[in-house]
C-alpha cells in the first residue's frame, strides 16, 4: 500500500518522526495522509532496516 507514496513524502515522514516531541498524529496531518498509512510506512521501514539491532521480537 505504501508503495504508492512518493519517496519525498516518505523522507518527510522520517524527518518528522526523528523530531523530538513529534506525534504520529501530527505527522499524518502535516503530510496529508491518514494515520494508518503513516503507521504502515514506519512499520515497513522498521522491518526493512531491522531497527531492533538483531533482537528477535519473540525473545522480549
Protein backbone atom coordinates (compact mmCIF):
# COMPACT_ATOMS: atom_id res chain seq x y z
CA UNK A 1 0.00 0.00 0.00
CA UNK A 2 2.76 2.45 0.84
CA UNK A 3 4.47 1.74 -2.49
CA UNK A 4 2.12 4.35 -3.99
CA UNK A 5 3.56 7.01 -1.69
CA UNK A 6 6.38 9.07 -3.20
CA UNK A 7 9.89 8.89 -1.80
CA UNK A 8 9.78 12.62 -0.98
CA UNK A 9 6.77 12.09 1.30
CA UNK A 10 8.46 9.10 2.94
CA UNK A 11 11.59 11.16 3.58
CA UNK A 12 9.45 13.91 5.10
CA UNK A 13 7.80 11.36 7.42
CA UNK A 14 11.21 10.02 8.51
CA UNK A 15 12.48 13.54 9.12
CA UNK A 16 9.41 14.44 11.18
CA UNK A 17 9.47 11.22 13.23
CA UNK A 18 13.04 11.96 14.28
CA UNK A 19 11.96 15.37 15.63
CA UNK A 20 11.68 15.25 19.43
CA UNK A 21 8.12 15.68 20.68
CA UNK A 22 6.51 15.00 17.29
CA UNK A 23 3.50 12.69 17.50
CA UNK A 24 2.43 10.32 14.71
CA UNK A 25 -0.97 12.03 14.56
CA UNK A 26 0.74 15.38 13.91
CA UNK A 27 2.87 13.83 11.17
CA UNK A 28 -0.18 12.40 9.41
CA UNK A 29 -1.77 15.87 9.38
CA UNK A 30 1.40 17.57 8.09
CA UNK A 31 1.87 15.16 5.17
CA UNK A 32 -1.89 14.89 4.45
CA UNK A 33 -2.09 11.11 4.87
CA UNK A 34 -4.30 9.04 7.10
CA UNK A 35 -2.85 7.68 10.32
CA UNK A 36 -2.83 4.03 9.22
CA UNK A 37 -0.81 4.83 6.09
CA UNK A 38 1.84 6.63 8.13
CA UNK A 39 1.98 3.74 10.59
CA UNK A 40 2.35 1.24 7.72
CA UNK A 41 5.24 3.24 6.22
CA UNK A 42 7.02 3.36 9.57
CA UNK A 43 6.39 -0.35 10.17
CA UNK A 44 7.79 -1.32 6.76
CA UNK A 45 10.90 0.78 7.38
CA UNK A 46 11.33 -0.77 10.83
CA UNK A 47 11.27 -4.31 9.44
CA UNK A 48 13.35 -3.42 6.37
CA UNK A 49 16.17 -1.83 8.35
CA UNK A 50 15.99 -4.19 11.34
CA UNK A 51 15.99 -1.29 13.77
CA UNK A 52 15.80 -3.75 16.65
CA UNK A 53 19.57 -4.37 16.26
CA UNK A 54 19.31 -8.09 15.84
CA UNK A 55 16.91 -8.89 18.66
CA UNK A 56 14.04 -11.16 17.80
CA UNK A 57 10.57 -9.91 18.55
CA UNK A 58 9.68 -13.24 20.18
CA UNK A 59 12.54 -13.02 22.66
CA UNK A 60 11.35 -9.97 24.57
